[in-house]
């Protein structure tokens, strides 16, 4: 019988995944730059939270709690240009 090892990733693995996604082409310039440039690993871990058990869940959590609100704020700024 073939058994899969289905252990959940550690919080450090989730943080590393979010950071690598944030640096990926197409993501970095869409608000994800602030994740890797302004947040510590501990702050990213806090955004992910203790209940998230997947890489996609970690990405969604950081997007909903941090990236999306910052995108909306940046879009509302009038630079007068």
PDB file of N, CA and C in Angstrom:
ATOM      1  N   UNK A   1       0.845  -1.173   0.000  1.00  0.00           N
ATOM      2  CA  UNK A   1       0.000   0.000   0.000  1.00  0.00           C
ATOM      3  C   UNK A   1       0.894   1.241   0.000  1.00  0.00           C
ATOM      4  N   UNK A   2       0.512   2.236  -0.761  1.00  0.00           N
ATOM      5  CA  UNK A   2       1.293   3.458  -0.894  1.00  0.00           C
ATOM      6  C   UNK A   2       0.669   4.562  -0.032  1.00  0.00           C
ATOM      7  N   UNK A   3       1.384   5.038   0.970  1.00  0.00           N
ATOM      8  CA  UNK A   3       0.874   6.087   1.848  1.00  0.00           C
ATOM      9  C   UNK A   3       1.551   7.409   1.520  1.00  0.00           C
ATOM     10  N   UNK A   4       0.748   8.433   1.408  1.00  0.00           N
ATOM     11  CA  UNK A   4       1.298   9.763   1.175  1.00  0.00           C
ATOM     12  C   UNK A   4       1.632  10.414   2.500  1.00  0.00           C
ATOM     13  N   UNK A   5       2.678  11.195   2.512  1.00  0.00           N
ATOM     14  CA  UNK A   5       3.022  11.977   3.691  1.00  0.00           C
ATOM     15  C   UNK A   5       2.316  13.327   3.558  1.00  0.00           C
ATOM     16  N   UNK A   6       1.235  13.515   4.275  1.00  0.00           N
ATOM     17  CA  UNK A   6       0.419  14.714   4.143  1.00  0.00           C
ATOM     18  C   UNK A   6       0.556  15.636   5.347  1.00  0.00           C
ATOM     19  N   UNK A   7       1.763  15.877   5.760  1.00  0.00           N
ATOM     20  CA  UNK A   7       1.962  16.795   6.871  1.00  0.00           C
ATOM     21  C   UNK A   7       1.839  18.231   6.368  1.00  0.00           C
ATOM     22  N   UNK A   8       1.283  19.070   7.201  1.00  0.00           N
ATOM     23  CA  UNK A   8       1.116  20.479   6.846  1.00  0.00           C
ATOM     24  C   UNK A   8       2.471  21.181   6.867  1.00  0.00           C
ATOM     25  N   UNK A   9       2.628  22.186   6.006  1.00  0.00           N
ATOM     26  CA  UNK A   9       3.888  22.942   6.028  1.00  0.00           C
ATOM     27  C   UNK A   9       4.029  23.718   7.336  1.00  0.00           C
ATOM     28  N   UNK A  10       5.264  23.988   7.702  1.00  0.00           N
ATOM     29  CA  UNK A  10       5.512  24.795   8.899  1.00  0.00           C
ATOM     30  C   UNK A  10       5.209  26.255   8.592  1.00  0.00           C
ATOM     31  N   UNK A  11       5.097  27.059   9.616  1.00  0.00           N
ATOM     32  CA  UNK A  11       4.857  28.486   9.413  1.00  0.00           C
ATOM     33  C   UNK A  11       6.024  29.120   8.648  1.00  0.00           C
ATOM     34  N   UNK A  12       7.238  28.659   8.903  1.00  0.00           N
ATOM     35  CA  UNK A  12       8.390  29.185   8.163  1.00  0.00           C
ATOM     36  C   UNK A  12       8.292  28.862   6.677  1.00  0.00           C
ATOM     37  N   UNK A  13       7.819  27.669   6.349  1.00  0.00           N
ATOM     38  CA  UNK A  13       7.634  27.302   4.946  1.00  0.00           C
ATOM     39  C   UNK A  13       6.536  28.152   4.307  1.00  0.00           C
ATOM     40  N   UNK A  14       5.479  28.424   5.056  1.00  0.00           N
ATOM     41  CA  UNK A  14       4.397  29.264   4.541  1.00  0.00           C
ATOM     42  C   UNK A  14       4.888  30.688   4.294  1.00  0.00           C
ATOM     43  N   UNK A  15       5.667  31.219   5.228  1.00  0.00           N
ATOM     44  CA  UNK A  15       6.228  32.571   5.073  1.00  0.00           C
ATOM     45  C   UNK A  15       7.144  32.622   3.859  1.00  0.00           C
ATOM     46  N   UNK A  16       8.008  31.641   3.723  1.00  0.00           N
ATOM     47  CA  UNK A  16       8.916  31.597   2.565  1.00  0.00           C
ATOM     48  C   UNK A  16       8.143  31.529   1.256  1.00  0.00           C
ATOM     49  N   UNK A  17       7.068  30.773   1.246  1.00  0.00           N
ATOM     50  CA  UNK A  17       6.244  30.672   0.042  1.00  0.00           C
ATOM     51  C   UNK A  17       5.624  32.026  -0.316  1.00  0.00           C
ATOM     52  N   UNK A  18       5.070  32.703   0.669  1.00  0.00           N
ATOM     53  CA  UNK A  18       4.454  34.013   0.424  1.00  0.00           C
ATOM     54  C   UNK A  18       5.507  34.988  -0.100  1.00  0.00           C
ATOM     55  N   UNK A  19       6.691  34.978   0.486  1.00  0.00           N
ATOM     56  CA  UNK A  19       7.753  35.884   0.033  1.00  0.00           C
ATOM     57  C   UNK A  19       8.195  35.565  -1.392  1.00  0.00           C
ATOM     58  N   UNK A  20       8.296  34.296  -1.732  1.00  0.00           N
ATOM     59  CA  UNK A  20       8.710  33.948  -3.092  1.00  0.00           C
ATOM     60  C   UNK A  20       7.624  34.330  -4.097  1.00  0.00           C
ATOM     61  N   UNK A  21       6.364  34.170  -3.726  1.00  0.00           N
ATOM     62  CA  UNK A  21       5.273  34.613  -4.588  1.00  0.00           C
ATOM     63  C   UNK A  21       5.325  36.124  -4.775  1.00  0.00           C
ATOM     64  N   UNK A  22       5.574  36.835  -3.699  1.00  0.00           N
ATOM     65  CA  UNK A  22       5.602  38.303  -3.751  1.00  0.00           C
ATOM     66  C   UNK A  22       6.699  38.815  -4.677  1.00  0.00           C
ATOM     67  N   UNK A  23       7.780  38.073  -4.787  1.00  0.00           N
ATOM     68  CA  UNK A  23       8.898  38.469  -5.644  1.00  0.00           C
ATOM     69  C   UNK A  23       8.734  38.026  -7.097  1.00  0.00           C
ATOM     70  N   UNK A  24       7.751  37.196  -7.372  1.00  0.00           N
ATOM     71  CA  UNK A  24       7.571  36.641  -8.714  1.00  0.00           C
ATOM     72  C   UNK A  24       7.135  37.720  -9.705  1.00  0.00           C
ATOM     73  N   UNK A  25       7.588  37.579 -10.951  1.00  0.00           N
ATOM     74  CA  UNK A  25       7.150  38.518 -11.989  1.00  0.00           C
ATOM     75  C   UNK A  25       5.620  38.527 -12.079  1.00  0.00           C
ATOM     76  N   UNK A  26       5.073  39.704 -12.210  1.00  0.00           N
ATOM     77  CA  UNK A  26       3.630  39.836 -12.278  1.00  0.00           C
ATOM     78  C   UNK A  26       2.966  40.045 -10.926  1.00  0.00           C
ATOM     79  N   UNK A  27       3.659  39.748  -9.858  1.00  0.00           N
ATOM     80  CA  UNK A  27       3.117  39.938  -8.511  1.00  0.00           C
ATOM     81  C   UNK A  27       3.769  41.142  -7.838  1.00  0.00           C
ATOM     82  N   UNK A  28       5.072  41.242  -7.991  1.00  0.00           N
ATOM     83  CA  UNK A  28       5.854  42.250  -7.261  1.00  0.00           C
ATOM     84  C   UNK A  28       5.318  43.664  -7.479  1.00  0.00           C
ATOM     85  N   UNK A  29       5.005  44.016  -8.701  1.00  0.00           N
ATOM     86  CA  UNK A  29       4.540  45.371  -8.997  1.00  0.00           C
ATOM     87  C   UNK A  29       3.038  45.552  -8.828  1.00  0.00           C
ATOM     88  N   UNK A  30       2.378  44.573  -8.285  1.00  0.00           N
ATOM     89  CA  UNK A  30       0.935  44.666  -8.063  1.00  0.00           C
ATOM     90  C   UNK A  30       0.604  44.719  -6.578  1.00  0.00           C
ATOM     91  N   UNK A  31       1.464  45.359  -5.816  1.00  0.00           N
ATOM     92  CA  UNK A  31       1.207  45.537  -4.399  1.00  0.00           C
ATOM     93  C   UNK A  31       1.922  44.564  -3.488  1.00  0.00           C
ATOM     94  N   UNK A  32       2.507  43.526  -4.062  1.00  0.00           N
ATOM     95  CA  UNK A  32       3.183  42.528  -3.236  1.00  0.00           C
ATOM     96  C   UNK A  32       4.574  42.969  -2.827  1.00  0.00           C
ATOM     97  N   UNK A  33       5.100  44.011  -3.459  1.00  0.00           N
ATOM     98  CA  UNK A  33       6.431  44.502  -3.100  1.00  0.00           C
ATOM     99  C   UNK A  33       6.502  44.905  -1.641  1.00  0.00           C
ATOM    100  N   UNK A  34       5.419  45.481  -1.119  1.00  0.00           N
ATOM    101  CA  UNK A  34       5.427  45.920   0.280  1.00  0.00           C
ATOM    102  C   UNK A  34       5.558  44.749   1.247  1.00  0.00           C
ATOM    103  N   UNK A  35       5.098  43.578   0.826  1.00  0.00           N
ATOM    104  CA  UNK A  35       5.193  42.403   1.692  1.00  0.00           C
ATOM    105  C   UNK A  35       6.656  42.067   1.973  1.00  0.00           C
ATOM    106  N   UNK A  36       7.471  42.038   0.928  1.00  0.00           N
ATOM    107  CA  UNK A  36       8.870  41.652   1.125  1.00  0.00           C
ATOM    108  C   UNK A  36       9.755  42.819   1.538  1.00  0.00           C
ATOM    109  N   UNK A  37       9.346  44.029   1.256  1.00  0.00           N
ATOM    110  CA  UNK A  37      10.183  45.184   1.580  1.00  0.00           C
ATOM    111  C   UNK A  37       9.840  45.839   2.919  1.00  0.00           C
ATOM    112  N   UNK A  38       8.628  45.633   3.397  1.00  0.00           N
ATOM    113  CA  UNK A  38       8.201  46.347   4.607  1.00  0.00           C
ATOM    114  C   UNK A  38       7.873  45.452   5.795  1.00  0.00           C
ATOM    115  N   UNK A  39       7.644  44.179   5.553  1.00  0.00           N
ATOM    116  CA  UNK A  39       7.226  43.297   6.640  1.00  0.00           C
ATOM    117  C   UNK A  39       8.341  42.331   7.036  1.00  0.00           C
ATOM    118  N   UNK A  40       8.417  42.063   8.322  1.00  0.00           N
ATOM    119  CA  UNK A  40       9.342  41.035   8.811  1.00  0.00           C
ATOM    120  C   UNK A  40       8.691  39.666   8.646  1.00  0.00           C
ATOM    121  N   UNK A  41       9.475  38.626   8.783  1.00  0.00           N
ATOM    122  CA  UNK A  41       8.926  37.276   8.729  1.00  0.00           C
ATOM    123  C   UNK A  41       7.871  37.068   9.807  1.00  0.00           C
ATOM    124  N   UNK A  42       8.100  37.620  10.986  1.00  0.00           N
ATOM    125  CA  UNK A  42       7.123  37.491  12.079  1.00  0.00           C
ATOM    126  C   UNK A  42       5.812  38.189  11.733  1.00  0.00           C
ATOM    127  N   UNK A  43       5.893  39.339  11.071  1.00  0.00           N
ATOM    128  CA  UNK A  43       4.678  40.052  10.673  1.00  0.00           C
ATOM    129  C   UNK A  43       3.915  39.282   9.592  1.00  0.00           C
ATOM    130  N   UNK A  44       4.635  38.683   8.659  1.00  0.00           N
ATOM    131  CA  UNK A  44       3.986  37.867   7.633  1.00  0.00           C
ATOM    132  C   UNK A  44       3.333  36.649   8.296  1.00  0.00           C
ATOM    133  N   UNK A  45       4.030  36.034   9.227  1.00  0.00           N
ATOM    134  CA  UNK A  45       3.489  34.873   9.945  1.00  0.00           C
ATOM    135  C   UNK A  45       2.204  35.249  10.689  1.00  0.00           C
ATOM    136  N   UNK A  46       2.188  36.430  11.291  1.00  0.00           N
ATOM    137  CA  UNK A  46       0.986  36.879  12.006  1.00  0.00           C
ATOM    138  C   UNK A  46      -0.176  37.078  11.044  1.00  0.00           C
ATOM    139  N   UNK A  47       0.102  37.586   9.849  1.00  0.00           N
ATOM    140  CA  UNK A  47      -0.953  37.747   8.847  1.00  0.00           C
ATOM    141  C   UNK A  47      -1.485  36.392   8.389  1.00  0.00           C
ATOM    142  N   UNK A  48      -0.613  35.423   8.268  1.00  0.00           N
ATOM    143  CA  UNK A  48      -1.026  34.081   7.864  1.00  0.00           C
ATOM    144  C   UNK A  48      -1.904  33.468   8.952  1.00  0.00           C
ATOM    145  N   UNK A  49      -1.473  33.588  10.184  1.00  0.00           N
ATOM    146  CA  UNK A  49      -2.249  33.077  11.306  1.00  0.00           C
ATOM    147  C   UNK A  49      -2.025  31.593  11.562  1.00  0.00           C
ATOM    148  N   UNK A  50      -2.459  31.129  12.720  1.00  0.00           N
ATOM    149  CA  UNK A  50      -2.195  29.744  13.136  1.00  0.00           C
ATOM    150  C   UNK A  50      -3.101  28.699  12.486  1.00  0.00           C
ATOM    151  N   UNK A  51      -4.191  29.112  11.864  1.00  0.00           N
ATOM    152  CA  UNK A  51      -5.151  28.144  11.321  1.00  0.00           C
ATOM    153  C   UNK A  51      -4.905  27.805   9.855  1.00  0.00           C
ATOM    154  N   UNK A  52      -4.054  28.549   9.181  1.00  0.00           N
ATOM    155  CA  UNK A  52      -3.784  28.298   7.773  1.00  0.00           C
ATOM    156  C   UNK A  52      -2.804  27.129   7.643  1.00  0.00           C
ATOM    157  N   UNK A  53      -3.168  26.173   6.794  1.00  0.00           N
ATOM    158  CA  UNK A  53      -2.362  24.955   6.671  1.00  0.00           C
ATOM    159  C   UNK A  53      -1.860  24.690   5.260  1.00  0.00           C
ATOM    160  N   UNK A  54      -2.152  25.600   4.317  1.00  0.00           N
ATOM    161  CA  UNK A  54      -1.732  25.369   2.930  1.00  0.00           C
ATOM    162  C   UNK A  54      -1.005  26.599   2.385  1.00  0.00           C
ATOM    163  N   UNK A  55      -0.237  26.375   1.327  1.00  0.00           N
ATOM    164  CA  UNK A  55       0.482  27.475   0.685  1.00  0.00           C
ATOM    165  C   UNK A  55      -0.502  28.469   0.052  1.00  0.00           C
ATOM    166  N   UNK A  56      -1.518  27.954  -0.616  1.00  0.00           N
ATOM    167  CA  UNK A  56      -2.515  28.844  -1.215  1.00  0.00           C
ATOM    168  C   UNK A  56      -3.268  29.628  -0.149  1.00  0.00           C
ATOM    169  N   UNK A  57      -3.564  28.977   0.953  1.00  0.00           N
ATOM    170  CA  UNK A  57      -4.242  29.656   2.057  1.00  0.00           C
ATOM    171  C   UNK A  57      -3.400  30.774   2.635  1.00  0.00           C
ATOM    172  N   UNK A  58      -2.104  30.555   2.728  1.00  0.00           N
ATOM    173  CA  UNK A  58      -1.194  31.585   3.243  1.00  0.00           C
ATOM    174  C   UNK A  58      -1.167  32.782   2.307  1.00  0.00           C
ATOM    175  N   UNK A  59      -1.109  32.511   1.005  1.00  0.00           N
ATOM    176  CA  UNK A  59      -1.105  33.596   0.020  1.00  0.00           C
ATOM    177  C   UNK A  59      -2.406  34.387   0.092  1.00  0.00           C
ATOM    178  N   UNK A  60      -3.528  33.683   0.170  1.00  0.00           N
ATOM    179  CA  UNK A  60      -4.836  34.354   0.269  1.00  0.00           C
ATOM    180  C   UNK A  60      -4.939  35.197   1.530  1.00  0.00           C
ATOM    181  N   UNK A  61      -4.461  34.669   2.640  1.00  0.00           N
ATOM    182  CA  UNK A  61      -4.557  35.393   3.912  1.00  0.00           C
ATOM    183  C   UNK A  61      -3.776  36.701   3.851  1.00  0.00           C
ATOM    184  N   UNK A  62      -2.568  36.665   3.331  1.00  0.00           N
ATOM    185  CA  UNK A  62      -1.754  37.880   3.242  1.00  0.00           C
ATOM    186  C   UNK A  62      -2.384  38.860   2.256  1.00  0.00           C
ATOM    187  N   UNK A  63      -2.930  38.336   1.169  1.00  0.00           N
ATOM    188  CA  UNK A  63      -3.591  39.211   0.200  1.00  0.00           C
ATOM    189  C   UNK A  63      -4.789  39.912   0.841  1.00  0.00           C
ATOM    190  N   UNK A  64      -5.657  39.179   1.480  1.00  0.00           N
ATOM    191  CA  UNK A  64      -6.875  39.753   2.057  1.00  0.00           C
ATOM    192  C   UNK A  64      -6.585  40.720   3.204  1.00  0.00           C
ATOM    193  N   UNK A  65      -5.629  40.379   4.038  1.00  0.00           N
ATOM    194  CA  UNK A  65      -5.365  41.185   5.231  1.00  0.00           C
ATOM    195  C   UNK A  65      -4.402  42.345   5.004  1.00  0.00           C
ATOM    196  N   UNK A  66      -3.561  42.272   3.959  1.00  0.00           N
ATOM    197  CA  UNK A  66      -2.531  43.294   3.808  1.00  0.00           C
ATOM    198  C   UNK A  66      -2.448  43.884   2.402  1.00  0.00           C
ATOM    199  N   UNK A  67      -2.294  43.044   1.391  1.00  0.00           N
ATOM    200  CA  UNK A  67      -2.075  43.554   0.039  1.00  0.00           C
ATOM    201  C   UNK A  67      -3.306  44.278  -0.486  1.00  0.00           C
ATOM    202  N   UNK A  68      -4.464  43.661  -0.404  1.00  0.00           N
ATOM    203  CA  UNK A  68      -5.689  44.256  -0.942  1.00  0.00           C
ATOM    204  C   UNK A  68      -6.001  45.615  -0.315  1.00  0.00           C
ATOM    205  N   UNK A  69      -5.959  45.753   1.014  1.00  0.00           N
ATOM    206  CA  UNK A  69      -6.211  47.075   1.606  1.00  0.00           C
ATOM    207  C   UNK A  69      -5.186  48.129   1.167  1.00  0.00           C
ATOM    208  N   UNK A  70      -3.924  47.721   1.017  1.00  0.00           N
ATOM    209  CA  UNK A  70      -2.898  48.672   0.587  1.00  0.00           C
ATOM    210  C   UNK A  70      -3.059  49.053  -0.880  1.00  0.00           C
ATOM    211  N   UNK A  71      -3.518  48.116  -1.695  1.00  0.00           N
ATOM    212  CA  UNK A  71      -3.796  48.432  -3.102  1.00  0.00           C
ATOM    213  C   UNK A  71      -4.903  49.472  -3.193  1.00  0.00           C
ATOM    214  N   UNK A  72      -5.954  49.280  -2.435  1.00  0.00           N
ATOM    215  CA  UNK A  72      -7.083  50.215  -2.458  1.00  0.00           C
ATOM    216  C   UNK A  72      -6.640  51.597  -1.995  1.00  0.00           C
ATOM    217  N   UNK A  73      -5.818  51.648  -0.977  1.00  0.00           N
ATOM    218  CA  UNK A  73      -5.322  52.927  -0.473  1.00  0.00           C
ATOM    219  C   UNK A  73      -4.446  53.607  -1.521  1.00  0.00           C
ATOM    220  N   UNK A  74      -3.574  52.860  -2.166  1.00  0.00           N
ATOM    221  CA  UNK A  74      -2.687  53.436  -3.185  1.00  0.00           C
ATOM    222  C   UNK A  74      -3.482  53.951  -4.368  1.00  0.00           C
ATOM    223  N   UNK A  75      -4.549  53.261  -4.755  1.00  0.00           N
ATOM    224  CA  UNK A  75      -5.370  53.676  -5.874  1.00  0.00           C
ATOM    225  C   UNK A  75      -6.143  54.954  -5.569  1.00  0.00           C
ATOM    226  N   UNK A  76      -6.376  55.217  -4.290  1.00  0.00           N
ATOM    227  CA  UNK A  76      -7.158  56.398  -3.925  1.00  0.00           C
ATOM    228  C   UNK A  76      -6.314  57.665  -3.775  1.00  0.00           C
ATOM    229  N   UNK A  77      -5.009  57.531  -3.842  1.00  0.00           N
ATOM    230  CA  UNK A  77      -4.122  58.689  -3.676  1.00  0.00           C
ATOM    231  C   UNK A  77      -4.090  59.489  -4.973  1.00  0.00           C
ATOM    232  N   UNK A  78      -4.284  60.800  -4.843  1.00  0.00           N
ATOM    233  CA  UNK A  78      -4.201  61.702  -5.990  1.00  0.00           C
ATOM    234  C   UNK A  78      -2.877  62.427  -5.919  1.00  0.00           C
ATOM    235  N   UNK A  79      -1.995  62.106  -6.847  1.00  0.00           N
ATOM    236  CA  UNK A  79      -0.682  62.707  -6.867  1.00  0.00           C
ATOM    237  C   UNK A  79      -0.673  64.047  -7.576  1.00  0.00           C
ATOM    238  N   UNK A  80      -1.777  64.451  -8.164  1.00  0.00           N
ATOM    239  CA  UNK A  80      -1.877  65.741  -8.839  1.00  0.00           C
ATOM    240  C   UNK A  80      -1.012  65.844 -10.087  1.00  0.00           C
ATOM    241  N   UNK A  81      -0.797  64.706 -10.698  1.00  0.00           N
ATOM    242  CA  UNK A  81       0.058  64.706 -11.896  1.00  0.00           C
ATOM    243  C   UNK A  81      -0.820  64.863 -13.120  1.00  0.00           C
TER     244      UNK A  81
END
